[in-house]
Structures are given as C-alpha cells and as structure tokens.
C-alpha cells in the first residue's frame, strides 16, 4: 500500500467529521457514494478511489480540474467504533464526495445527489444532511447545510421521551432518574443547528412537568458545534489509527 493512502487524515471527533462533511458538500461536492469497509481493507480502498477519482489530489490539482470543468472528488472516512482497534478489526464508514463536471464518478449509477430529498447524505441510521436554498446577492443559488435526525431515529427519541416523561407523571415516588439519563444522552448528541431545533421540540413534545425543569436543566440541551475548533490533527491519520507504518 502507498504511504499517501495511509496519510489520509481522520477527523478528531464524530462532530468534527460531520462538520467537515457539511462544509465539503457546501463547497459544491453535492454528489456522493457511501458505505463501510473492514479496517484491513481500508488502505486499499483509498488507493482504488485515488486511481479512479484522484481523491488524494492536492488542492491545486483540484482547483485546476474545476477550472477545466472536471469533477473533483474527496474521500472522508471515520471508524464506527472508538480506537484503539486491532489492525484487521473494526468497520470504517466512508463518504466519497464529488463536484459536478466531466469524469467517471458523476456518471455512475450508484452516485447520489445530496440535494435530492430522496437521496440525502446520511450518517448510518442516525443523521442526515439537509439544506435550504438561498439566493446570493448576485442572483446565484446557494445552499445552507445542517444535520438533522433521520425520521426513524427521531421517532425513537420521541417514544422514549414520552415513556420517560409518563413515568415521572404517573409514578408515586416521582423519580426522574430515567428521564435525567435520557436528557443527558440528548445533550451529548452533536449540536448542529438542525439537530438542536429537534432537541427542543422533543422536550416540548414530551410535556415534562415544570417541577422537573430545574433538576433536568432543560434550558441547556447541549452546546452548538464550534466551527473554530480544528477538524484534523497531524498525528491522526488512517495509518496511525490502524497501526500501519509500512
């Protein structure tokens, strides 16, 4: 395997990876393919994508391609589980993103468009990337992107919240431990604008009695993703996380 393949950077956190995906799509990489791959096969997958789509091209090479009307591709990968993992264990998720233009990726049948509601870019069964069109001052159409819960994932949250709030209302002892644990979990969900709106709607929809609001600290449902924080670190690459140094 090439050193370039294992040098591919990996985001510091899940929130950072999600932020990077949203920013990349926001820069015109609307077309995508996604999937998962065993850790042992990840470097070779990167090599394959680089041969076919030049995912490891430099910024200058990508800028030149876009000027010439060619499609540019980027590859984002993230482990499904926390590290450390053994070299041959664990699954990685990948998103192969591309701009419109000439080239093989836009023409492939498996390529989807993140702007299409039917083919939204998703993070497994949890989140999906959504946009709203905005008109620039020069009249061009642009998109503002954020993450939200997938509908099925949101429905699960609604059910457990309703159950937890119901226990508090009907229990003789009025013990809110389960509800407290649930709200704590909700705070740990990545704080993108779209998700934060859904968090508030979940609490309102659960109709939690005001007597528990202070104890649950419902005024604080998690922080907003800080776009100033770094996404990558030089020492966090595919090679270092898999323990591959050859």
C-alpha atoms as a PDB file:
ATOM      1  CA  UNK A   1       0.000   0.000   0.000  1.00  0.00           C
ATOM      2  CA  UNK A   2       1.175   3.544  -0.628  1.00  0.00           C
ATOM      3  CA  UNK A   3       2.169   5.994   2.062  1.00  0.00           C
ATOM      4  CA  UNK A   4      -0.264   8.501   0.564  1.00  0.00           C
ATOM      5  CA  UNK A   5      -3.205   6.198   1.308  1.00  0.00           C
ATOM      6  CA  UNK A   6      -2.382   5.777   4.985  1.00  0.00           C
ATOM      7  CA  UNK A   7      -1.669   9.516   5.299  1.00  0.00           C
ATOM      8  CA  UNK A   8      -5.347  10.328   4.743  1.00  0.00           C
ATOM      9  CA  UNK A   9      -6.410  12.440   7.771  1.00  0.00           C
ATOM     10  CA  UNK A  10      -9.211  11.314  10.079  1.00  0.00           C
ATOM     11  CA  UNK A  11     -11.369  13.837  11.945  1.00  0.00           C
ATOM     12  CA  UNK A  12     -10.728  14.217  15.670  1.00  0.00           C
ATOM     13  CA  UNK A  13     -14.333  13.510  16.682  1.00  0.00           C
ATOM     14  CA  UNK A  14     -17.634  12.420  15.193  1.00  0.00           C
ATOM     15  CA  UNK A  15     -18.902  16.010  15.387  1.00  0.00           C
ATOM     16  CA  UNK A  16     -15.769  17.200  13.574  1.00  0.00           C
ATOM     17  CA  UNK A  17     -16.279  14.611  10.833  1.00  0.00           C
ATOM     18  CA  UNK A  18     -19.916  15.634  10.432  1.00  0.00           C
ATOM     19  CA  UNK A  19     -18.897  19.279  10.279  1.00  0.00           C
ATOM     20  CA  UNK A  20     -16.278  18.519   7.610  1.00  0.00           C
ATOM     21  CA  UNK A  21     -18.806  16.609   5.502  1.00  0.00           C
ATOM     22  CA  UNK A  22     -21.270  19.517   5.708  1.00  0.00           C
ATOM     23  CA  UNK A  23     -18.572  22.036   4.789  1.00  0.00           C
ATOM     24  CA  UNK A  24     -17.329  19.916   1.880  1.00  0.00           C
ATOM     25  CA  UNK A  25     -20.843  19.488   0.482  1.00  0.00           C
ATOM     26  CA  UNK A  26     -21.319  23.228   0.976  1.00  0.00           C
ATOM     27  CA  UNK A  27     -18.342  23.823  -1.308  1.00  0.00           C
ATOM     28  CA  UNK A  28     -20.098  22.097  -4.182  1.00  0.00           C
ATOM     29  CA  UNK A  29     -19.376  18.417  -3.521  1.00  0.00           C
ATOM     30  CA  UNK A  30     -23.056  17.503  -3.857  1.00  0.00           C
ATOM     31  CA  UNK A  31     -22.576  14.105  -5.484  1.00  0.00           C
ATOM     32  CA  UNK A  32     -21.656  11.152  -3.314  1.00  0.00           C
ATOM     33  CA  UNK A  33     -21.328   7.451  -2.697  1.00  0.00           C
ATOM     34  CA  UNK A  34     -21.077   5.963   0.774  1.00  0.00           C
ATOM     35  CA  UNK A  35     -20.621   2.654   2.523  1.00  0.00           C
ATOM     36  CA  UNK A  36     -18.496   0.783   5.031  1.00  0.00           C
ATOM     37  CA  UNK A  37     -15.365  -1.313   4.804  1.00  0.00           C
ATOM     38  CA  UNK A  38     -13.364  -3.540   7.192  1.00  0.00           C
ATOM     39  CA  UNK A  39     -10.346  -1.787   8.667  1.00  0.00           C
ATOM     40  CA  UNK A  40      -7.945  -4.226   6.996  1.00  0.00           C
ATOM     41  CA  UNK A  41      -9.259  -3.275   3.538  1.00  0.00           C
ATOM     42  CA  UNK A  42      -9.449   0.477   4.086  1.00  0.00           C
ATOM     43  CA  UNK A  43      -5.978   1.443   2.752  1.00  0.00           C
ATOM     44  CA  UNK A  44      -6.561  -0.492  -0.466  1.00  0.00           C
ATOM     45  CA  UNK A  45      -9.967   1.110  -0.879  1.00  0.00           C
ATOM     46  CA  UNK A  46      -8.325   4.526  -0.589  1.00  0.00           C
ATOM     47  CA  UNK A  47      -5.775   3.506  -3.236  1.00  0.00           C
ATOM     48  CA  UNK A  48      -8.553   2.328  -5.541  1.00  0.00           C
ATOM     49  CA  UNK A  49     -10.506   5.557  -5.169  1.00  0.00           C
ATOM     50  CA  UNK A  50      -7.358   7.573  -5.786  1.00  0.00           C
ATOM     51  CA  UNK A  51      -6.621   5.674  -9.007  1.00  0.00           C
ATOM     52  CA  UNK A  52     -10.178   6.089 -10.257  1.00  0.00           C
ATOM     53  CA  UNK A  53     -11.168   9.512  -8.883  1.00  0.00           C
ATOM     54  CA  UNK A  54      -7.948  11.175  -7.601  1.00  0.00           C
ATOM     55  CA  UNK A  55      -9.259  11.591  -4.032  1.00  0.00           C
ATOM     56  CA  UNK A  56      -5.731  12.327  -2.786  1.00  0.00           C
ATOM     57  CA  UNK A  57      -5.138  15.142  -5.281  1.00  0.00           C
ATOM     58  CA  UNK A  58      -3.679  18.373  -3.938  1.00  0.00           C
ATOM     59  CA  UNK A  59      -5.779  21.495  -3.626  1.00  0.00           C
ATOM     60  CA  UNK A  60      -4.011  22.972  -6.629  1.00  0.00           C
ATOM     61  CA  UNK A  61      -4.828  19.926  -8.746  1.00  0.00           C
ATOM     62  CA  UNK A  62      -8.487  20.080  -7.696  1.00  0.00           C
ATOM     63  CA  UNK A  63      -8.706  23.808  -8.443  1.00  0.00           C
ATOM     64  CA  UNK A  64      -7.226  23.197 -11.878  1.00  0.00           C
ATOM     65  CA  UNK A  65      -9.721  20.410 -12.565  1.00  0.00           C
ATOM     66  CA  UNK A  66     -12.673  22.565 -11.568  1.00  0.00           C
ATOM     67  CA  UNK A  67     -11.490  25.397 -13.820  1.00  0.00           C
ATOM     68  CA  UNK A  68     -11.392  22.909 -16.699  1.00  0.00           C
ATOM     69  CA  UNK A  69     -14.875  21.628 -15.925  1.00  0.00           C
ATOM     70  CA  UNK A  70     -13.771  18.294 -14.496  1.00  0.00           C
ATOM     71  CA  UNK A  71     -15.341  16.641 -11.476  1.00  0.00           C
ATOM     72  CA  UNK A  72     -13.235  16.664  -8.310  1.00  0.00           C
ATOM     73  CA  UNK A  73     -13.528  14.036  -5.580  1.00  0.00           C
ATOM     74  CA  UNK A  74     -12.827  13.974  -1.856  1.00  0.00           C
ATOM     75  CA  UNK A  75     -12.835  10.982   0.483  1.00  0.00           C
ATOM     76  CA  UNK A  76     -13.898  11.180   4.132  1.00  0.00           C
ATOM     77  CA  UNK A  77     -13.515   8.157   6.419  1.00  0.00           C
ATOM     78  CA  UNK A  78     -14.345   7.568  10.065  1.00  0.00           C
ATOM     79  CA  UNK A  79     -14.253   4.490  12.345  1.00  0.00           C
ATOM     80  CA  UNK A  80     -17.521   3.025  13.548  1.00  0.00           C
ATOM     81  CA  UNK A  81     -16.026   2.308  16.963  1.00  0.00           C
ATOM     82  CA  UNK A  82     -13.604   4.077  19.263  1.00  0.00           C
ATOM     83  CA  UNK A  83      -9.912   3.313  18.988  1.00  0.00           C
ATOM     84  CA  UNK A  84      -7.629   1.587  19.625  1.00  0.00           C
ATOM     85  CA  UNK A  85      -8.551  -1.352  17.413  1.00  0.00           C
ATOM     86  CA  UNK A  86      -6.534  -4.207  16.040  1.00  0.00           C
ATOM     87  CA  UNK A  87      -5.177  -3.809  12.513  1.00  0.00           C
ATOM     88  CA  UNK A  88      -7.618  -6.263  10.970  1.00  0.00           C
ATOM     89  CA  UNK A  89     -10.665  -5.471  13.098  1.00  0.00           C
ATOM     90  CA  UNK A  90     -13.434  -2.906  13.055  1.00  0.00           C
ATOM     91  CA  UNK A  91     -15.514  -1.255  10.384  1.00  0.00           C
ATOM     92  CA  UNK A  92     -14.990   2.162   8.866  1.00  0.00           C
ATOM     93  CA  UNK A  93     -17.609   4.363   7.238  1.00  0.00           C
ATOM     94  CA  UNK A  94     -16.673   6.252   4.083  1.00  0.00           C
ATOM     95  CA  UNK A  95     -18.179   9.051   2.009  1.00  0.00           C
ATOM     96  CA  UNK A  96     -16.880   9.603  -1.499  1.00  0.00           C
ATOM     97  CA  UNK A  97     -17.877  13.167  -2.416  1.00  0.00           C
ATOM     98  CA  UNK A  98     -17.639  14.796  -5.827  1.00  0.00           C
ATOM     99  CA  UNK A  99     -18.428  18.005  -7.671  1.00  0.00           C
ATOM    100  CA  UNK A 100     -20.372  18.105 -10.913  1.00  0.00           C
ATOM    101  CA  UNK A 101     -18.384  18.035 -14.128  1.00  0.00           C
ATOM    102  CA  UNK A 102     -16.701  15.685 -16.524  1.00  0.00           C
ATOM    103  CA  UNK A 103     -15.385  12.422 -15.119  1.00  0.00           C
ATOM    104  CA  UNK A 104     -16.475   8.900 -14.184  1.00  0.00           C
ATOM    105  CA  UNK A 105     -17.997   9.467 -10.722  1.00  0.00           C
ATOM    106  CA  UNK A 106     -20.894  11.806 -11.666  1.00  0.00           C
ATOM    107  CA  UNK A 107     -21.981   9.356 -14.392  1.00  0.00           C
ATOM    108  CA  UNK A 108     -22.009   6.225 -12.240  1.00  0.00           C
ATOM    109  CA  UNK A 109     -25.445   4.783 -11.398  1.00  0.00           C
ATOM    110  CA  UNK A 110     -24.558   4.399  -7.715  1.00  0.00           C
ATOM    111  CA  UNK A 111     -23.741   8.104  -7.367  1.00  0.00           C
ATOM    112  CA  UNK A 112     -26.397  10.087  -5.480  1.00  0.00           C
ATOM    113  CA  UNK A 113     -27.112  13.795  -5.053  1.00  0.00           C
ATOM    114  CA  UNK A 114     -27.203  15.242  -1.509  1.00  0.00           C
ATOM    115  CA  UNK A 115     -29.572  17.981  -2.697  1.00  0.00           C
ATOM    116  CA  UNK A 116     -32.249  15.413  -3.528  1.00  0.00           C
ATOM    117  CA  UNK A 117     -34.606  14.667  -0.604  1.00  0.00           C
ATOM    118  CA  UNK A 118     -34.815  11.027  -1.664  1.00  0.00           C
ATOM    119  CA  UNK A 119     -31.041  10.537  -1.721  1.00  0.00           C
ATOM    120  CA  UNK A 120     -29.847  12.641   1.197  1.00  0.00           C
ATOM    121  CA  UNK A 121     -26.383  12.022   2.564  1.00  0.00           C
ATOM    122  CA  UNK A 122     -26.701  10.069   5.807  1.00  0.00           C
ATOM    123  CA  UNK A 123     -24.628   9.070   8.800  1.00  0.00           C
ATOM    124  CA  UNK A 124     -25.740   5.473   9.176  1.00  0.00           C
ATOM    125  CA  UNK A 125     -29.208   5.239  10.768  1.00  0.00           C
ATOM    126  CA  UNK A 126     -28.910   8.401  12.837  1.00  0.00           C
ATOM    127  CA  UNK A 127     -28.453  11.666  10.970  1.00  0.00           C
ATOM    128  CA  UNK A 128     -28.934  13.126   7.520  1.00  0.00           C
ATOM    129  CA  UNK A 129     -27.639  16.254   5.848  1.00  0.00           C
ATOM    130  CA  UNK A 130     -30.305  18.740   4.755  1.00  0.00           C
ATOM    131  CA  UNK A 131     -30.201  22.095   3.059  1.00  0.00           C
ATOM    132  CA  UNK A 132     -32.279  25.088   2.273  1.00  0.00           C
ATOM    133  CA  UNK A 133     -31.672  27.093  -0.899  1.00  0.00           C
ATOM    134  CA  UNK A 134     -30.726  30.752  -0.527  1.00  0.00           C
ATOM    135  CA  UNK A 135     -30.264  33.369  -3.221  1.00  0.00           C
ATOM    136  CA  UNK A 136     -26.967  35.236  -3.237  1.00  0.00           C
ATOM    137  CA  UNK A 137     -26.758  38.957  -3.928  1.00  0.00           C
ATOM    138  CA  UNK A 138     -25.561  38.227  -7.466  1.00  0.00           C
ATOM    139  CA  UNK A 139     -28.633  36.066  -8.055  1.00  0.00           C
ATOM    140  CA  UNK A 140     -26.867  32.689  -7.884  1.00  0.00           C
ATOM    141  CA  UNK A 141     -28.497  29.876  -5.952  1.00  0.00           C
ATOM    142  CA  UNK A 142     -26.601  28.613  -2.908  1.00  0.00           C
ATOM    143  CA  UNK A 143     -27.342  26.104  -0.136  1.00  0.00           C
ATOM    144  CA  UNK A 144     -27.076  26.300   3.660  1.00  0.00           C
ATOM    145  CA  UNK A 145     -26.385  22.857   5.110  1.00  0.00           C
ATOM    146  CA  UNK A 146     -27.017  21.317   8.521  1.00  0.00           C
ATOM    147  CA  UNK A 147     -27.559  17.910  10.106  1.00  0.00           C
ATOM    148  CA  UNK A 148     -30.860  16.615  11.471  1.00  0.00           C
ATOM    149  CA  UNK A 149     -32.127  13.361  12.959  1.00  0.00           C
ATOM    150  CA  UNK A 150     -33.329  10.849  10.401  1.00  0.00           C
ATOM    151  CA  UNK A 151     -37.089  10.404  10.715  1.00  0.00           C
ATOM    152  CA  UNK A 152     -36.907   6.874  12.137  1.00  0.00           C
ATOM    153  CA  UNK A 153     -34.243   7.939  14.638  1.00  0.00           C
ATOM    154  CA  UNK A 154     -36.318  10.955  15.671  1.00  0.00           C
ATOM    155  CA  UNK A 155     -39.370   8.747  16.201  1.00  0.00           C
ATOM    156  CA  UNK A 156     -37.373   6.525  18.548  1.00  0.00           C
ATOM    157  CA  UNK A 157     -36.342   9.563  20.575  1.00  0.00           C
ATOM    158  CA  UNK A 158     -39.983  10.687  20.758  1.00  0.00           C
ATOM    159  CA  UNK A 159     -41.111   7.290  22.041  1.00  0.00           C
ATOM    160  CA  UNK A 160     -38.510   7.026  24.794  1.00  0.00           C
ATOM    161  CA  UNK A 161     -39.072  10.637  25.861  1.00  0.00           C
ATOM    162  CA  UNK A 162     -42.816  10.127  26.068  1.00  0.00           C
ATOM    163  CA  UNK A 163     -42.297   6.950  28.088  1.00  0.00           C
ATOM    164  CA  UNK A 164     -39.813   8.604  30.457  1.00  0.00           C
ATOM    165  CA  UNK A 165     -41.998  11.665  30.997  1.00  0.00           C
ATOM    166  CA  UNK A 166     -45.000   9.401  31.577  1.00  0.00           C
ATOM    167  CA  UNK A 167     -43.134   7.512  34.292  1.00  0.00           C
ATOM    168  CA  UNK A 168     -42.442  10.757  36.117  1.00  0.00           C
ATOM    169  CA  UNK A 169     -46.068  11.860  35.914  1.00  0.00           C
ATOM    170  CA  UNK A 170     -47.577   8.525  36.952  1.00  0.00           C
ATOM    171  CA  UNK A 171     -45.018   7.229  39.436  1.00  0.00           C
ATOM    172  CA  UNK A 172     -45.975   7.517  43.087  1.00  0.00           C
ATOM    173  CA  UNK A 173     -42.388   8.336  44.012  1.00  0.00           C
ATOM    174  CA  UNK A 174     -41.928  10.744  41.118  1.00  0.00           C
ATOM    175  CA  UNK A 175     -38.394   9.505  40.452  1.00  0.00           C
ATOM    176  CA  UNK A 176     -36.963  11.159  37.323  1.00  0.00           C
ATOM    177  CA  UNK A 177     -33.720   9.150  37.065  1.00  0.00           C
ATOM    178  CA  UNK A 178     -34.573   7.625  33.688  1.00  0.00           C
ATOM    179  CA  UNK A 179     -35.608  10.990  32.321  1.00  0.00           C
ATOM    180  CA  UNK A 180     -32.440  12.621  33.656  1.00  0.00           C
ATOM    181  CA  UNK A 181     -30.332   9.948  31.950  1.00  0.00           C
ATOM    182  CA  UNK A 182     -32.237  10.488  28.709  1.00  0.00           C
ATOM    183  CA  UNK A 183     -31.764  14.260  28.752  1.00  0.00           C
ATOM    184  CA  UNK A 184     -28.051  13.741  29.461  1.00  0.00           C
ATOM    185  CA  UNK A 185     -27.795  11.491  26.405  1.00  0.00           C
ATOM    186  CA  UNK A 186     -29.590  14.103  24.316  1.00  0.00           C
ATOM    187  CA  UNK A 187     -27.077  16.749  25.366  1.00  0.00           C
ATOM    188  CA  UNK A 188     -24.266  14.577  24.001  1.00  0.00           C
ATOM    189  CA  UNK A 189     -25.799  14.479  20.514  1.00  0.00           C
ATOM    190  CA  UNK A 190     -23.794  16.653  18.063  1.00  0.00           C
ATOM    191  CA  UNK A 191     -25.024  20.233  18.358  1.00  0.00           C
ATOM    192  CA  UNK A 192     -25.740  21.245  14.784  1.00  0.00           C
ATOM    193  CA  UNK A 193     -28.419  23.863  14.188  1.00  0.00           C
ATOM    194  CA  UNK A 194     -30.950  21.436  12.731  1.00  0.00           C
ATOM    195  CA  UNK A 195     -30.416  18.875  15.478  1.00  0.00           C
ATOM    196  CA  UNK A 196     -30.627  21.467  18.247  1.00  0.00           C
ATOM    197  CA  UNK A 197     -34.031  22.577  16.974  1.00  0.00           C
ATOM    198  CA  UNK A 198     -35.195  18.969  17.112  1.00  0.00           C
ATOM    199  CA  UNK A 199     -33.846  18.588  20.658  1.00  0.00           C
ATOM    200  CA  UNK A 200     -36.017  21.457  21.856  1.00  0.00           C
ATOM    201  CA  UNK A 201     -39.030  20.052  20.023  1.00  0.00           C
ATOM    202  CA  UNK A 202     -38.500  16.672  21.714  1.00  0.00           C
ATOM    203  CA  UNK A 203     -38.602  18.232  25.177  1.00  0.00           C
ATOM    204  CA  UNK A 204     -41.660  20.327  24.352  1.00  0.00           C
ATOM    205  CA  UNK A 205     -43.415  17.332  22.828  1.00  0.00           C
ATOM    206  CA  UNK A 206     -42.760  15.185  25.886  1.00  0.00           C
ATOM    207  CA  UNK A 207     -44.749  17.671  28.012  1.00  0.00           C
ATOM    208  CA  UNK A 208     -42.425  17.388  31.000  1.00  0.00           C
ATOM    209  CA  UNK A 209     -43.880  18.930  34.134  1.00  0.00           C
ATOM    210  CA  UNK A 210     -42.317  22.286  35.069  1.00  0.00           C
ATOM    211  CA  UNK A 211     -41.446  20.992  38.516  1.00  0.00           C
ATOM    212  CA  UNK A 212     -38.672  18.934  36.910  1.00  0.00           C
ATOM    213  CA  UNK A 213     -37.298  21.623  34.596  1.00  0.00           C
ATOM    214  CA  UNK A 214     -34.661  22.921  37.015  1.00  0.00           C
ATOM    215  CA  UNK A 215     -33.462  19.465  38.027  1.00  0.00           C
ATOM    216  CA  UNK A 216     -33.234  18.415  34.381  1.00  0.00           C
ATOM    217  CA  UNK A 217     -31.721  21.792  33.425  1.00  0.00           C
ATOM    218  CA  UNK A 218     -33.887  21.890  30.325  1.00  0.00           C
ATOM    219  CA  UNK A 219     -32.618  25.345  29.414  1.00  0.00           C
ATOM    220  CA  UNK A 220     -29.376  23.680  28.378  1.00  0.00           C
ATOM    221  CA  UNK A 221     -29.662  20.864  25.853  1.00  0.00           C
ATOM    222  CA  UNK A 222     -26.086  20.773  24.657  1.00  0.00           C
ATOM    223  CA  UNK A 223     -23.661  23.162  23.041  1.00  0.00           C
ATOM    224  CA  UNK A 224     -23.534  24.353  19.446  1.00  0.00           C
ATOM    225  CA  UNK A 225     -20.793  22.843  17.275  1.00  0.00           C
ATOM    226  CA  UNK A 226     -17.834  25.215  17.456  1.00  0.00           C
ATOM    227  CA  UNK A 227     -16.620  25.900  13.909  1.00  0.00           C
ATOM    228  CA  UNK A 228     -13.400  27.424  15.223  1.00  0.00           C
ATOM    229  CA  UNK A 229     -12.142  24.138  16.646  1.00  0.00           C
ATOM    230  CA  UNK A 230      -9.750  22.123  14.443  1.00  0.00           C
ATOM    231  CA  UNK A 231     -11.148  19.204  12.462  1.00  0.00           C
ATOM    232  CA  UNK A 232      -7.883  17.312  11.990  1.00  0.00           C
ATOM    233  CA  UNK A 233      -4.560  16.799  13.774  1.00  0.00           C
ATOM    234  CA  UNK A 234      -1.351  15.837  12.015  1.00  0.00           C
ATOM    235  CA  UNK A 235      -0.872  12.704  14.103  1.00  0.00           C
ATOM    236  CA  UNK A 236      -4.388  11.334  13.453  1.00  0.00           C
ATOM    237  CA  UNK A 237      -4.361   9.525  10.121  1.00  0.00           C
ATOM    238  CA  UNK A 238      -5.633   6.225   8.738  1.00  0.00           C
ATOM    239  CA  UNK A 239      -2.142   4.800   9.155  1.00  0.00           C
ATOM    240  CA  UNK A 240      -1.644   5.805  12.788  1.00  0.00           C
ATOM    241  CA  UNK A 241      -5.123   4.663  13.838  1.00  0.00           C
ATOM    242  CA  UNK A 242      -4.678   1.280  12.199  1.00  0.00           C
ATOM    243  CA  UNK A 243      -1.122   0.927  13.448  1.00  0.00           C
ATOM    244  CA  UNK A 244       0.246   0.633   9.928  1.00  0.00           C
ATOM    245  CA  UNK A 245       3.626   2.184   9.389  1.00  0.00           C
ATOM    246  CA  UNK A 246       4.832   0.304   6.324  1.00  0.00           C
END
